[in-house]
Amino acid sequence: MMATPTHAVYEVNLCGGKGAEPLNVRGFSRCEDANALARQFAGALKIPVKDFVDTEPDTDDVDG
């Protein structure tokens, strides 16, 4: 029997260009908290906020 997850983790990562390894900053149990931290980073670093949830990985990132 497969275990059912008890909660979701919403991660905040700093990502570079294609091929760069993302840097995991922190995980949150609430999406709103993760979004708030991402917006703070975006404002301080003058970078865009992008939500990659439900997106496919780059083809060269897929193990095959």
PDB file of N, CA and C in Angstrom:
ATOM      1  N   MET A   1       0.838  -1.185   0.000  1.00  0.00           N
ATOM      2  CA  MET A   1       0.000   0.000   0.000  1.00  0.00           C
ATOM      3  C   MET A   1       0.877   1.240   0.000  1.00  0.00           C
ATOM      4  N   MET A   2       0.564   2.163  -0.874  1.00  0.00           N
ATOM      5  CA  MET A   2       1.346   3.381  -1.003  1.00  0.00           C
ATOM      6  C   MET A   2       0.892   4.414   0.024  1.00  0.00           C
ATOM      7  N   ALA A   3       1.857   5.070   0.673  1.00  0.00           N
ATOM      8  CA  ALA A   3       1.532   6.092   1.669  1.00  0.00           C
ATOM      9  C   ALA A   3       1.004   7.344   0.985  1.00  0.00           C
ATOM     10  N   THR A   4       0.031   7.963   1.583  1.00  0.00           N
ATOM     11  CA  THR A   4      -0.532   9.212   1.079  1.00  0.00           C
ATOM     12  C   THR A   4       0.179  10.366   1.768  1.00  0.00           C
ATOM     13  N   PRO A   5       0.656  11.356   1.002  1.00  0.00           N
ATOM     14  CA  PRO A   5       1.325  12.491   1.636  1.00  0.00           C
ATOM     15  C   PRO A   5       0.366  13.210   2.581  1.00  0.00           C
ATOM     16  N   THR A   6       0.904  13.656   3.713  1.00  0.00           N
ATOM     17  CA  THR A   6       0.074  14.348   4.686  1.00  0.00           C
ATOM     18  C   THR A   6       0.026  15.846   4.453  1.00  0.00           C
ATOM     19  N   HIS A   7       0.996  16.385   3.723  1.00  0.00           N
ATOM     20  CA  HIS A   7       0.982  17.816   3.420  1.00  0.00           C
ATOM     21  C   HIS A   7       1.881  18.105   2.222  1.00  0.00           C
ATOM     22  N   ALA A   8       1.641  19.242   1.622  1.00  0.00           N
ATOM     23  CA  ALA A   8       2.446  19.670   0.479  1.00  0.00           C
ATOM     24  C   ALA A   8       3.586  20.562   0.967  1.00  0.00           C
ATOM     25  N   VAL A   9       4.645  20.598   0.188  1.00  0.00           N
ATOM     26  CA  VAL A   9       5.757  21.502   0.461  1.00  0.00           C
ATOM     27  C   VAL A   9       5.894  22.424  -0.742  1.00  0.00           C
ATOM     28  N   TYR A  10       5.861  23.707  -0.476  1.00  0.00           N
ATOM     29  CA  TYR A  10       6.021  24.717  -1.517  1.00  0.00           C
ATOM     30  C   TYR A  10       7.420  25.285  -1.375  1.00  0.00           C
ATOM     31  N   GLU A  11       8.268  25.008  -2.362  1.00  0.00           N
ATOM     32  CA  GLU A  11       9.667  25.414  -2.293  1.00  0.00           C
ATOM     33  C   GLU A  11       9.899  26.744  -2.989  1.00  0.00           C
ATOM     34  N   VAL A  12      10.840  27.503  -2.450  1.00  0.00           N
ATOM     35  CA  VAL A  12      11.309  28.735  -3.083  1.00  0.00           C
ATOM     36  C   VAL A  12      12.735  28.455  -3.525  1.00  0.00           C
ATOM     37  N   ASN A  13      12.982  28.587  -4.833  1.00  0.00           N
ATOM     38  CA  ASN A  13      14.301  28.332  -5.403  1.00  0.00           C
ATOM     39  C   ASN A  13      14.771  29.548  -6.178  1.00  0.00           C
ATOM     40  N   LEU A  14      16.073  29.758  -6.208  1.00  0.00           N
ATOM     41  CA  LEU A  14      16.675  30.744  -7.099  1.00  0.00           C
ATOM     42  C   LEU A  14      17.216  29.977  -8.285  1.00  0.00           C
ATOM     43  N   CYS A  15      16.784  30.352  -9.472  1.00  0.00           N
ATOM     44  CA  CYS A  15      17.150  29.622 -10.685  1.00  0.00           C
ATOM     45  C   CYS A  15      17.914  30.524 -11.632  1.00  0.00           C
ATOM     46  N   GLY A  16      18.913  29.950 -12.272  1.00  0.00           N
ATOM     47  CA  GLY A  16      19.681  30.668 -13.280  1.00  0.00           C
ATOM     48  C   GLY A  16      19.157  30.326 -14.659  1.00  0.00           C
ATOM     49  N   GLY A  17      19.997  30.486 -15.636  1.00  0.00           N
ATOM     50  CA  GLY A  17      19.633  30.168 -17.014  1.00  0.00           C
ATOM     51  C   GLY A  17      19.554  28.674 -17.237  1.00  0.00           C
ATOM     52  N   LYS A  18      19.208  28.314 -18.456  1.00  0.00           N
ATOM     53  CA  LYS A  18      19.072  26.906 -18.810  1.00  0.00           C
ATOM     54  C   LYS A  18      20.374  26.169 -18.511  1.00  0.00           C
ATOM     55  N   GLY A  19      20.242  25.029 -17.858  1.00  0.00           N
ATOM     56  CA  GLY A  19      21.403  24.225 -17.508  1.00  0.00           C
ATOM     57  C   GLY A  19      21.968  24.522 -16.130  1.00  0.00           C
ATOM     58  N   ALA A  20      21.548  25.629 -15.510  1.00  0.00           N
ATOM     59  CA  ALA A  20      22.033  25.970 -14.172  1.00  0.00           C
ATOM     60  C   ALA A  20      21.233  25.204 -13.130  1.00  0.00           C
ATOM     61  N   GLU A  21      21.895  24.754 -12.100  1.00  0.00           N
ATOM     62  CA  GLU A  21      21.245  24.023 -11.020  1.00  0.00           C
ATOM     63  C   GLU A  21      20.523  25.029 -10.105  1.00  0.00           C
ATOM     64  N   PRO A  22      19.225  24.829  -9.829  1.00  0.00           N
ATOM     65  CA  PRO A  22      18.518  25.756  -8.936  1.00  0.00           C
ATOM     66  C   PRO A  22      19.019  25.636  -7.500  1.00  0.00           C
ATOM     67  N   LEU A  23      19.002  26.747  -6.798  1.00  0.00           N
ATOM     68  CA  LEU A  23      19.403  26.801  -5.400  1.00  0.00           C
ATOM     69  C   LEU A  23      18.139  26.823  -4.556  1.00  0.00           C
ATOM     70  N   ASN A  24      17.925  25.769  -3.759  1.00  0.00           N
ATOM     71  CA  ASN A  24      16.753  25.713  -2.894  1.00  0.00           C
ATOM     72  C   ASN A  24      16.982  26.624  -1.706  1.00  0.00           C
ATOM     73  N   VAL A  25      16.082  27.584  -1.526  1.00  0.00           N
ATOM     74  CA  VAL A  25      16.206  28.545  -0.433  1.00  0.00           C
ATOM     75  C   VAL A  25      15.456  28.055   0.804  1.00  0.00           C
ATOM     76  N   ARG A  26      14.190  27.666   0.593  1.00  0.00           N
ATOM     77  CA  ARG A  26      13.379  27.256   1.734  1.00  0.00           C
ATOM     78  C   ARG A  26      12.100  26.592   1.252  1.00  0.00           C
ATOM     79  N   GLY A  27      11.532  25.740   2.077  1.00  0.00           N
ATOM     80  CA  GLY A  27      10.243  25.119   1.806  1.00  0.00           C
ATOM     81  C   GLY A  27       9.213  25.596   2.815  1.00  0.00           C
ATOM     82  N   PHE A  28       7.976  25.689   2.378  1.00  0.00           N
ATOM     83  CA  PHE A  28       6.880  26.146   3.231  1.00  0.00           C
ATOM     84  C   PHE A  28       5.724  25.163   3.141  1.00  0.00           C
ATOM     85  N   SER A  29       4.914  25.119   4.171  1.00  0.00           N
ATOM     86  CA  SER A  29       3.712  24.294   4.135  1.00  0.00           C
ATOM     87  C   SER A  29       2.534  25.063   3.546  1.00  0.00           C
ATOM     88  N   ARG A  30       2.652  26.376   3.445  1.00  0.00           N
ATOM     89  CA  ARG A  30       1.588  27.204   2.861  1.00  0.00           C
ATOM     90  C   ARG A  30       2.097  27.904   1.609  1.00  0.00           C
ATOM     91  N   CYS A  31       1.335  27.790   0.545  1.00  0.00           N
ATOM     92  CA  CYS A  31       1.696  28.412  -0.723  1.00  0.00           C
ATOM     93  C   CYS A  31       1.840  29.928  -0.579  1.00  0.00           C
ATOM     94  N   GLU A  32       0.967  30.534   0.201  1.00  0.00           N
ATOM     95  CA  GLU A  32       0.997  31.988   0.390  1.00  0.00           C
ATOM     96  C   GLU A  32       2.316  32.446   0.998  1.00  0.00           C
ATOM     97  N   ASP A  33       2.869  31.666   1.926  1.00  0.00           N
ATOM     98  CA  ASP A  33       4.143  32.006   2.556  1.00  0.00           C
ATOM     99  C   ASP A  33       5.285  31.908   1.550  1.00  0.00           C
ATOM    100  N   ALA A  34       5.260  30.870   0.726  1.00  0.00           N
ATOM    101  CA  ALA A  34       6.292  30.713  -0.305  1.00  0.00           C
ATOM    102  C   ALA A  34       6.222  31.863  -1.300  1.00  0.00           C
ATOM    103  N   ASN A  35       5.029  32.226  -1.721  1.00  0.00           N
ATOM    104  CA  ASN A  35       4.870  33.338  -2.662  1.00  0.00           C
ATOM    105  C   ASN A  35       5.349  34.652  -2.066  1.00  0.00           C
ATOM    106  N   ALA A  36       5.097  34.876  -0.785  1.00  0.00           N
ATOM    107  CA  ALA A  36       5.542  36.106  -0.134  1.00  0.00           C
ATOM    108  C   ALA A  36       7.064  36.212  -0.132  1.00  0.00           C
ATOM    109  N   LEU A  37       7.757  35.115   0.198  1.00  0.00           N
ATOM    110  CA  LEU A  37       9.223  35.138   0.188  1.00  0.00           C
ATOM    111  C   LEU A  37       9.748  35.334  -1.231  1.00  0.00           C
ATOM    112  N   ALA A  38       9.137  34.674  -2.196  1.00  0.00           N
ATOM    113  CA  ALA A  38       9.569  34.833  -3.592  1.00  0.00           C
ATOM    114  C   ALA A  38       9.421  36.288  -4.037  1.00  0.00           C
ATOM    115  N   ARG A  39       8.326  36.931  -3.650  1.00  0.00           N
ATOM    116  CA  ARG A  39       8.133  38.345  -4.011  1.00  0.00           C
ATOM    117  C   ARG A  39       9.172  39.237  -3.342  1.00  0.00           C
ATOM    118  N   GLN A  40       9.547  38.912  -2.091  1.00  0.00           N
ATOM    119  CA  GLN A  40      10.588  39.690  -1.409  1.00  0.00           C
ATOM    120  C   GLN A  40      11.927  39.567  -2.126  1.00  0.00           C
ATOM    121  N   PHE A  41      12.298  38.339  -2.509  1.00  0.00           N
ATOM    122  CA  PHE A  41      13.534  38.142  -3.263  1.00  0.00           C
ATOM    123  C   PHE A  41      13.479  38.898  -4.587  1.00  0.00           C
ATOM    124  N   ALA A  42      12.378  38.780  -5.282  1.00  0.00           N
ATOM    125  CA  ALA A  42      12.238  39.423  -6.588  1.00  0.00           C
ATOM    126  C   ALA A  42      12.408  40.928  -6.470  1.00  0.00           C
ATOM    127  N   GLY A  43      11.810  41.519  -5.471  1.00  0.00           N
ATOM    128  CA  GLY A  43      11.934  42.959  -5.282  1.00  0.00           C
ATOM    129  C   GLY A  43      13.344  43.380  -4.914  1.00  0.00           C
ATOM    130  N   ALA A  44      13.964  42.640  -4.010  1.00  0.00           N
ATOM    131  CA  ALA A  44      15.309  42.990  -3.553  1.00  0.00           C
ATOM    132  C   ALA A  44      16.357  42.769  -4.634  1.00  0.00           C
ATOM    133  N   LEU A  45      16.207  41.690  -5.406  1.00  0.00           N
ATOM    134  CA  LEU A  45      17.198  41.346  -6.430  1.00  0.00           C
ATOM    135  C   LEU A  45      16.835  41.858  -7.819  1.00  0.00           C
ATOM    136  N   LYS A  46      15.653  42.461  -7.925  1.00  0.00           N
ATOM    137  CA  LYS A  46      15.157  42.978  -9.205  1.00  0.00           C
ATOM    138  C   LYS A  46      15.143  41.889 -10.288  1.00  0.00           C
ATOM    139  N   ILE A  47      14.524  40.763  -9.915  1.00  0.00           N
ATOM    140  CA  ILE A  47      14.374  39.639 -10.829  1.00  0.00           C
ATOM    141  C   ILE A  47      12.891  39.267 -10.911  1.00  0.00           C
ATOM    142  N   PRO A  48      12.466  38.636 -11.991  1.00  0.00           N
ATOM    143  CA  PRO A  48      11.056  38.258 -12.099  1.00  0.00           C
ATOM    144  C   PRO A  48      10.725  37.036 -11.238  1.00  0.00           C
ATOM    145  N   VAL A  49       9.487  36.980 -10.813  1.00  0.00           N
ATOM    146  CA  VAL A  49       8.988  35.801 -10.102  1.00  0.00           C
ATOM    147  C   VAL A  49       8.342  34.897 -11.134  1.00  0.00           C
ATOM    148  N   LYS A  50       8.729  33.635 -11.143  1.00  0.00           N
ATOM    149  CA  LYS A  50       8.132  32.667 -12.067  1.00  0.00           C
ATOM    150  C   LYS A  50       7.682  31.459 -11.280  1.00  0.00           C
ATOM    151  N   ASP A  51       6.479  31.005 -11.558  1.00  0.00           N
ATOM    152  CA  ASP A  51       5.927  29.824 -10.901  1.00  0.00           C
ATOM    153  C   ASP A  51       6.054  28.660 -11.868  1.00  0.00           C
ATOM    154  N   PHE A  52       6.886  27.676 -11.515  1.00  0.00           N
ATOM    155  CA  PHE A  52       7.133  26.543 -12.390  1.00  0.00           C
ATOM    156  C   PHE A  52       6.340  25.304 -11.992  1.00  0.00           C
ATOM    157  N   VAL A  53       5.355  25.477 -11.134  1.00  0.00           N
ATOM    158  CA  VAL A  53       4.509  24.354 -10.747  1.00  0.00           C
ATOM    159  C   VAL A  53       3.757  23.862 -11.974  1.00  0.00           C
ATOM    160  N   ASP A  54       3.649  22.564 -12.106  1.00  0.00           N
ATOM    161  CA  ASP A  54       2.930  21.929 -13.218  1.00  0.00           C
ATOM    162  C   ASP A  54       3.563  22.201 -14.587  1.00  0.00           C
ATOM    163  N   THR A  55       4.863  22.483 -14.630  1.00  0.00           N
ATOM    164  CA  THR A  55       5.552  22.627 -15.909  1.00  0.00           C
ATOM    165  C   THR A  55       6.453  21.424 -16.127  1.00  0.00           C
ATOM    166  N   GLU A  56       6.721  21.130 -17.377  1.00  0.00           N
ATOM    167  CA  GLU A  56       7.604  20.012 -17.722  1.00  0.00           C
ATOM    168  C   GLU A  56       9.055  20.455 -17.585  1.00  0.00           C
ATOM    169  N   PRO A  57       9.944  19.567 -17.142  1.00  0.00           N
ATOM    170  CA  PRO A  57      11.358  19.903 -17.083  1.00  0.00           C
ATOM    171  C   PRO A  57      11.940  20.056 -18.487  1.00  0.00           C
ATOM    172  N   ASP A  58      13.053  20.744 -18.598  1.00  0.00           N
ATOM    173  CA  ASP A  58      13.761  20.841 -19.873  1.00  0.00           C
ATOM    174  C   ASP A  58      14.103  19.432 -20.326  1.00  0.00           C
ATOM    175  N   THR A  59      14.106  19.193 -21.619  1.00  0.00           N
ATOM    176  CA  THR A  59      14.343  17.841 -22.137  1.00  0.00           C
ATOM    177  C   THR A  59      15.706  17.297 -21.738  1.00  0.00           C
ATOM    178  N   ASP A  60      16.719  18.162 -21.596  1.00  0.00           N
ATOM    179  CA  ASP A  60      18.037  17.668 -21.212  1.00  0.00           C
ATOM    180  C   ASP A  60      18.135  17.398 -19.707  1.00  0.00           C
ATOM    181  N   ASP A  61      17.098  17.749 -18.936  1.00  0.00           N
ATOM    182  CA  ASP A  61      17.073  17.469 -17.494  1.00  0.00           C
ATOM    183  C   ASP A  61      16.437  16.131 -17.182  1.00  0.00           C
ATOM    184  N   VAL A  62      15.822  15.500 -18.167  1.00  0.00           N
ATOM    185  CA  VAL A  62      15.107  14.248 -17.943  1.00  0.00           C
ATOM    186  C   VAL A  62      16.086  13.086 -18.062  1.00  0.00           C
ATOM    187  N   ASP A  63      16.114  12.263 -17.016  1.00  0.00           N
ATOM    188  CA  ASP A  63      16.964  11.067 -17.066  1.00  0.00           C
ATOM    189  C   ASP A  63      16.314  10.050 -18.010  1.00  0.00           C
ATOM    190  N   GLY A  64      17.092   9.404 -18.794  1.00  0.00           N
ATOM    191  CA  GLY A  64      16.462   8.486 -19.700  1.00  0.00           C
ATOM    192  C   GLY A  64      17.312   7.360 -20.020  1.00  0.00           C
TER     193      GLY A  64
END
